[in-house]
């Protein structure tokens, strides 16, 4: 494979099954990248070397020029870091397992944007969410009408938990108290809302700069959340270095954090300018108009 300035890395979490690779590759083939690059499939989540064979057969059937890496296990961020250490391209563009490309010239626009002066990282989506404030944002609607709750709170529903042989159903309103307790106990060291941070579903960064960042232990989901949106998140590390973090829409337009709510990418304006979809953006897409309003108001504040 010819060496290029850009490595496009797709993380395939093997336990999720082959359909995710198929969906990504279909979008990869449908929308022209507009730039030469090396495609790298990063297989993660299996100790059996033979587990990747059906995936390789599929790639071969599509006649796609690619290379691949294998990792037995690890959170997405840990896998991204390890993969970057194995490559020698100047820039790395990461896609997670849920990613699907939505527009042409995605690679060219990503590469052009990261090469601009003083740009540290560019992602397809950014968020103002705070894990610490999450429970407080929900609990303040505890005594509100059902209509107001539906207009402001996504995921407002009863929850089932299993304790030993018992199945317990927690009413929707009580889940608001549970979210508050979880925020206080588990996420008390996270920044308060609004907490601008790039999401890690689809982002580009200079490889050496990525490897120079301070990575915490990434053994569990909370530590992964800390790296994405905690007090020492990769976004905050980049900002402290004096570089910008930007969201890019499908047309290659760039948005500073204070304008992410108007970028028409994540959970607003019908996501009409979204460049890369994932599981979170698709939840919004399939929701009713009322639920879409709740997603929007919760993440960005009521307009």
Protein backbone atom coordinates (compact mmCIF):
# COMPACT_ATOMS: atom_id res chain seq x y z
CA UNK A 1 0.00 0.00 0.00
CA UNK A 2 1.29 3.46 -0.93
CA UNK A 3 2.08 5.70 2.02
CA UNK A 4 -0.11 8.80 2.25
CA UNK A 5 -0.28 11.78 4.60
CA UNK A 6 -3.62 10.55 5.91
CA UNK A 7 -4.56 7.25 7.55
CA UNK A 8 -8.31 6.60 7.84
CA UNK A 9 -8.85 4.21 10.73
CA UNK A 10 -12.16 2.39 11.19
CA UNK A 11 -12.55 0.71 14.58
CA UNK A 12 -14.43 -2.58 14.28
CA UNK A 13 -15.55 -3.91 17.67
CA UNK A 14 -15.86 -7.58 16.73
CA UNK A 15 -18.50 -8.60 19.34
CA UNK A 16 -20.99 -6.26 17.61
CA UNK A 17 -20.89 -8.28 14.40
CA UNK A 18 -20.09 -7.76 10.75
CA UNK A 19 -23.07 -5.55 9.89
CA UNK A 20 -21.29 -2.47 11.26
CA UNK A 21 -18.32 -3.00 8.97
CA UNK A 22 -20.65 -3.54 6.03
CA UNK A 23 -22.54 -0.32 6.80
CA UNK A 24 -19.36 1.72 7.11
CA UNK A 25 -17.83 0.31 3.93
CA UNK A 26 -21.03 0.90 1.98
CA UNK A 27 -20.91 4.57 3.01
CA UNK A 28 -17.16 4.68 2.33
CA UNK A 29 -17.73 3.44 -1.22
CA UNK A 30 -20.80 5.60 -1.83
CA UNK A 31 -19.18 8.92 -0.93
CA UNK A 32 -15.88 9.90 -2.54
CA UNK A 33 -13.20 10.94 -0.08
CA UNK A 34 -11.65 13.45 -2.46
CA UNK A 35 -8.12 12.72 -1.22
CA UNK A 36 -5.58 9.92 -1.29
CA UNK A 37 -5.37 8.06 1.99
CA UNK A 38 -4.61 4.71 3.58
CA UNK A 39 -7.60 2.79 4.91
CA UNK A 40 -6.83 0.84 8.09
CA UNK A 41 -9.34 -1.51 9.71
CA UNK A 42 -8.69 -1.75 13.43
CA UNK A 43 -10.15 -5.00 14.75
CA UNK A 44 -10.79 -4.98 18.48
CA UNK A 45 -12.42 -7.33 20.94
CA UNK A 46 -11.41 -10.90 20.15
CA UNK A 47 -8.59 -13.22 21.19
CA UNK A 48 -9.35 -15.61 18.32
CA UNK A 49 -7.27 -14.75 15.23
CA UNK A 50 -9.81 -16.53 13.04
CA UNK A 51 -12.61 -14.19 14.17
CA UNK A 52 -11.62 -11.57 11.61
CA UNK A 53 -11.69 -13.93 8.61
CA UNK A 54 -15.32 -13.19 7.59
CA UNK A 55 -14.54 -9.48 7.77
CA UNK A 56 -11.47 -9.89 5.57
CA UNK A 57 -13.47 -11.98 3.10
CA UNK A 58 -16.02 -9.18 2.84
CA UNK A 59 -13.31 -6.55 2.25
CA UNK A 60 -11.73 -8.76 -0.37
CA UNK A 61 -15.07 -9.13 -2.14
CA UNK A 62 -15.31 -5.34 -2.36
CA UNK A 63 -11.75 -5.11 -3.76
CA UNK A 64 -10.85 -2.43 -1.24
CA UNK A 65 -7.21 -1.48 -0.79
CA UNK A 66 -6.62 -1.62 2.95
CA UNK A 67 -4.46 -2.84 5.79
CA UNK A 68 -5.55 -3.98 9.22
CA UNK A 69 -4.49 -4.05 12.85
CA UNK A 70 -5.64 -6.41 15.62
CA UNK A 71 -6.14 -5.63 19.30
CA UNK A 72 -7.53 -8.14 21.80
CA UNK A 73 -9.46 -5.62 23.89
CA UNK A 74 -9.64 -2.01 25.03
CA UNK A 75 -11.85 1.07 25.15
CA UNK A 76 -12.17 2.96 21.86
CA UNK A 77 -9.75 5.69 22.94
CA UNK A 78 -7.10 3.18 24.02
CA UNK A 79 -7.49 1.44 20.67
CA UNK A 80 -7.13 4.74 18.80
CA UNK A 81 -3.96 5.59 20.70
CA UNK A 82 -2.43 2.17 20.11
CA UNK A 83 -3.29 2.23 16.40
CA UNK A 84 -1.69 5.67 15.97
CA UNK A 85 1.50 4.33 17.55
CA UNK A 86 1.62 1.58 14.91
CA UNK A 87 1.35 3.94 11.92
CA UNK A 88 3.59 6.57 10.41
CA UNK A 89 1.21 8.88 8.52
CA UNK A 90 1.21 12.55 9.46
CA UNK A 91 -2.55 12.67 10.16
CA UNK A 92 -5.02 10.12 11.52
CA UNK A 93 -8.77 10.21 10.98
CA UNK A 94 -10.68 7.95 13.36
CA UNK A 95 -14.14 6.46 12.81
CA UNK A 96 -15.83 4.40 15.50
CA UNK A 97 -17.82 1.21 14.94
CA UNK A 98 -21.15 3.04 14.52
CA UNK A 99 -19.89 5.56 11.97
CA UNK A 100 -21.40 6.01 8.52
CA UNK A 101 -20.20 8.71 6.11
CA UNK A 102 -22.91 11.00 4.74
CA UNK A 103 -21.31 13.23 2.07
CA UNK A 104 -18.68 13.45 -0.66
CA UNK A 105 -15.23 14.99 -0.19
CA UNK A 106 -15.19 14.07 3.47
CA UNK A 107 -11.48 13.15 3.46
CA UNK A 108 -10.39 16.23 1.53
CA UNK A 109 -12.37 18.52 3.82
CA UNK A 110 -11.03 16.85 6.95
CA UNK A 111 -7.45 17.09 5.74
CA UNK A 112 -7.76 20.68 4.53
CA UNK A 113 -9.28 21.75 7.84
CA UNK A 114 -6.65 20.16 10.09
CA UNK A 115 -3.88 21.76 8.03
CA UNK A 116 -5.14 25.26 8.78
CA UNK A 117 -3.10 27.39 11.16
CA UNK A 118 -3.53 26.64 14.84
CA UNK A 119 -6.18 23.91 14.42
CA UNK A 120 -5.67 21.06 16.88
CA UNK A 121 -8.56 18.72 16.11
CA UNK A 122 -11.67 18.62 13.93
CA UNK A 123 -14.68 16.39 14.54
CA UNK A 124 -18.00 15.64 12.88
CA UNK A 125 -19.92 16.38 16.09
CA UNK A 126 -19.35 18.23 19.32
CA UNK A 127 -21.41 18.41 22.49
CA UNK A 128 -22.01 20.71 25.47
CA UNK A 129 -23.06 17.80 27.66
CA UNK A 130 -21.72 17.38 31.21
CA UNK A 131 -21.92 14.04 32.99
CA UNK A 132 -21.87 15.90 36.29
CA UNK A 133 -24.79 18.16 35.35
CA UNK A 134 -26.71 15.38 33.58
CA UNK A 135 -28.55 14.30 36.73
CA UNK A 136 -29.23 17.87 37.86
CA UNK A 137 -30.64 18.74 34.42
CA UNK A 138 -33.04 15.84 34.70
CA UNK A 139 -33.98 16.13 38.37
CA UNK A 140 -35.14 19.75 38.03
CA UNK A 141 -38.10 18.45 36.02
CA UNK A 142 -39.18 16.02 38.74
CA UNK A 143 -42.36 18.00 39.56
CA UNK A 144 -43.02 19.27 36.03
CA UNK A 145 -45.93 18.26 33.85
CA UNK A 146 -45.54 15.30 31.52
CA UNK A 147 -45.72 17.67 28.55
CA UNK A 148 -42.83 19.79 29.78
CA UNK A 149 -40.80 16.69 30.56
CA UNK A 150 -41.37 15.28 27.08
CA UNK A 151 -40.23 18.59 25.57
CA UNK A 152 -36.98 18.69 27.54
CA UNK A 153 -35.84 15.21 28.54
CA UNK A 154 -34.74 12.47 26.15
CA UNK A 155 -34.80 8.92 27.52
CA UNK A 156 -37.65 9.65 29.94
CA UNK A 157 -38.97 6.15 30.52
CA UNK A 158 -39.29 3.45 33.16
CA UNK A 159 -36.23 1.26 33.67
CA UNK A 160 -35.94 -2.41 34.52
CA UNK A 161 -33.17 -3.69 36.76
CA UNK A 162 -32.36 -7.22 37.83
CA UNK A 163 -31.34 -7.95 41.42
CA UNK A 164 -30.70 -11.64 42.00
CA UNK A 165 -33.82 -13.31 40.62
CA UNK A 166 -35.97 -10.18 40.94
CA UNK A 167 -36.97 -7.91 38.07
CA UNK A 168 -37.68 -4.44 39.42
CA UNK A 169 -39.33 -1.69 37.40
CA UNK A 170 -38.36 1.86 38.35
CA UNK A 171 -41.00 4.45 37.36
CA UNK A 172 -39.83 7.11 34.92
CA UNK A 173 -39.96 9.96 37.44
CA UNK A 174 -37.88 8.04 39.97
CA UNK A 175 -35.17 7.56 37.33
CA UNK A 176 -34.65 11.33 37.53
CA UNK A 177 -33.60 10.94 41.16
CA UNK A 178 -31.36 8.01 40.23
CA UNK A 179 -29.64 10.11 37.57
CA UNK A 180 -29.00 12.86 40.12
CA UNK A 181 -27.47 10.45 42.63
CA UNK A 182 -25.27 8.92 39.92
CA UNK A 183 -24.06 12.35 38.81
CA UNK A 184 -23.10 13.34 42.36
CA UNK A 185 -21.40 10.07 43.29
CA UNK A 186 -19.79 8.94 40.04
CA UNK A 187 -19.22 12.10 38.01
CA UNK A 188 -18.56 14.75 40.67
CA UNK A 189 -15.16 15.64 39.17
CA UNK A 190 -16.51 16.43 35.68
CA UNK A 191 -16.97 20.05 34.50
CA UNK A 192 -20.42 21.58 34.81
CA UNK A 193 -22.75 22.26 31.90
CA UNK A 194 -22.09 23.66 29.36
CA UNK A 195 -19.01 21.51 28.84
CA UNK A 196 -17.93 21.82 25.16
CA UNK A 197 -16.02 18.79 23.91
CA UNK A 198 -15.54 17.00 20.63
CA UNK A 199 -17.12 13.57 20.39
CA UNK A 200 -14.85 10.70 19.41
CA UNK A 201 -16.99 9.11 16.72
CA UNK A 202 -15.24 10.77 13.76
CA UNK A 203 -12.30 13.15 14.20
CA UNK A 204 -8.96 14.04 12.62
CA UNK A 205 -5.77 15.05 14.39
CA UNK A 206 -2.05 15.18 13.72
CA UNK A 207 -0.71 11.78 14.71
CA UNK A 208 2.28 12.98 16.75
CA UNK A 209 0.12 15.55 18.52
CA UNK A 210 -2.43 12.86 19.38
CA UNK A 211 0.27 10.66 20.88
CA UNK A 212 1.66 13.60 22.88
CA UNK A 213 -1.60 14.06 24.81
CA UNK A 214 -1.95 12.86 28.39
CA UNK A 215 -3.95 9.63 28.33
CA UNK A 216 -5.37 8.42 31.67
CA UNK A 217 -5.96 4.80 32.48
CA UNK A 218 -8.64 3.67 30.05
CA UNK A 219 -9.78 0.46 31.67
CA UNK A 220 -13.47 1.28 32.00
CA UNK A 221 -16.24 3.47 30.59
CA UNK A 222 -15.90 6.22 33.18
CA UNK A 223 -12.23 6.68 32.34
CA UNK A 224 -13.14 6.82 28.66
CA UNK A 225 -15.76 9.48 29.49
CA UNK A 226 -13.09 11.41 31.39
CA UNK A 227 -10.85 11.50 28.36
CA UNK A 228 -13.70 12.60 26.12
CA UNK A 229 -15.40 15.16 28.38
CA UNK A 230 -13.71 15.32 31.79
CA UNK A 231 -11.66 18.11 33.37
CA UNK A 232 -8.57 16.91 31.50
CA UNK A 233 -10.31 15.75 28.33
CA UNK A 234 -8.44 15.69 25.06
CA UNK A 235 -10.49 18.73 24.00
CA UNK A 236 -9.34 20.71 27.05
CA UNK A 237 -5.75 19.57 26.60
CA UNK A 238 -5.80 20.82 23.01
CA UNK A 239 -7.36 24.14 24.01
CA UNK A 240 -4.75 24.61 26.75
CA UNK A 241 -2.04 24.11 24.12
CA UNK A 242 -3.42 27.17 22.34
CA UNK A 243 -5.00 25.28 19.44
CA UNK A 244 -8.63 25.23 18.34
CA UNK A 245 -11.13 22.36 18.35
CA UNK A 246 -13.78 22.64 15.68
CA UNK A 247 -16.83 20.83 14.35
CA UNK A 248 -17.07 20.40 10.58
CA UNK A 249 -20.31 19.94 8.67
CA UNK A 250 -20.80 18.02 5.43
CA UNK A 251 -19.85 21.07 3.34
CA UNK A 252 -16.50 21.52 5.07
CA UNK A 253 -17.66 24.54 7.07
CA UNK A 254 -16.04 24.86 10.49
CA UNK A 255 -17.65 25.88 13.79
CA UNK A 256 -16.14 27.03 17.06
CA UNK A 257 -17.60 25.49 20.27
CA UNK A 258 -19.96 28.40 21.00
CA UNK A 259 -21.63 27.82 17.61
CA UNK A 260 -21.93 24.01 17.73
CA UNK A 261 -25.62 24.29 18.53
CA UNK A 262 -26.11 26.03 15.17
CA UNK A 263 -23.94 23.70 13.08
CA UNK A 264 -26.93 21.48 12.13
CA UNK A 265 -24.94 18.39 13.02
CA UNK A 266 -25.85 16.84 16.39
CA UNK A 267 -29.40 16.93 17.78
CA UNK A 268 -30.57 20.16 16.16
CA UNK A 269 -32.08 21.52 12.94
CA UNK A 270 -32.87 18.02 11.75
CA UNK A 271 -29.12 17.29 11.64
CA UNK A 272 -29.37 18.39 8.01
CA UNK A 273 -25.64 19.16 7.63
CA UNK A 274 -24.26 16.11 9.43
CA UNK A 275 -21.09 14.66 7.88
CA UNK A 276 -20.84 11.36 9.79
CA UNK A 277 -23.75 9.62 11.50
CA UNK A 278 -23.51 7.26 14.45
CA UNK A 279 -25.78 5.59 17.01
CA UNK A 280 -26.54 8.89 18.78
CA UNK A 281 -27.44 10.81 15.65
CA UNK A 282 -29.60 7.93 14.44
CA UNK A 283 -31.57 7.93 17.71
CA UNK A 284 -32.50 11.51 16.92
CA UNK A 285 -33.36 10.69 13.29
CA UNK A 286 -35.88 8.00 14.18
CA UNK A 287 -37.51 9.99 17.01
CA UNK A 288 -40.79 11.87 16.81
CA UNK A 289 -40.70 15.66 16.41
CA UNK A 290 -41.55 15.98 20.10
CA UNK A 291 -38.68 13.74 21.11
CA UNK A 292 -36.32 15.56 18.76
CA UNK A 293 -37.21 18.78 20.56
CA UNK A 294 -36.35 17.11 23.86
CA UNK A 295 -32.96 15.99 22.53
CA UNK A 296 -32.25 19.50 21.29
CA UNK A 297 -33.37 21.34 24.43
CA UNK A 298 -31.50 18.99 26.74
CA UNK A 299 -28.17 19.24 24.90
CA UNK A 300 -28.19 22.87 23.79
CA UNK A 301 -30.72 24.59 26.04
CA UNK A 302 -34.20 25.84 25.15
CA UNK A 303 -34.41 28.39 22.35
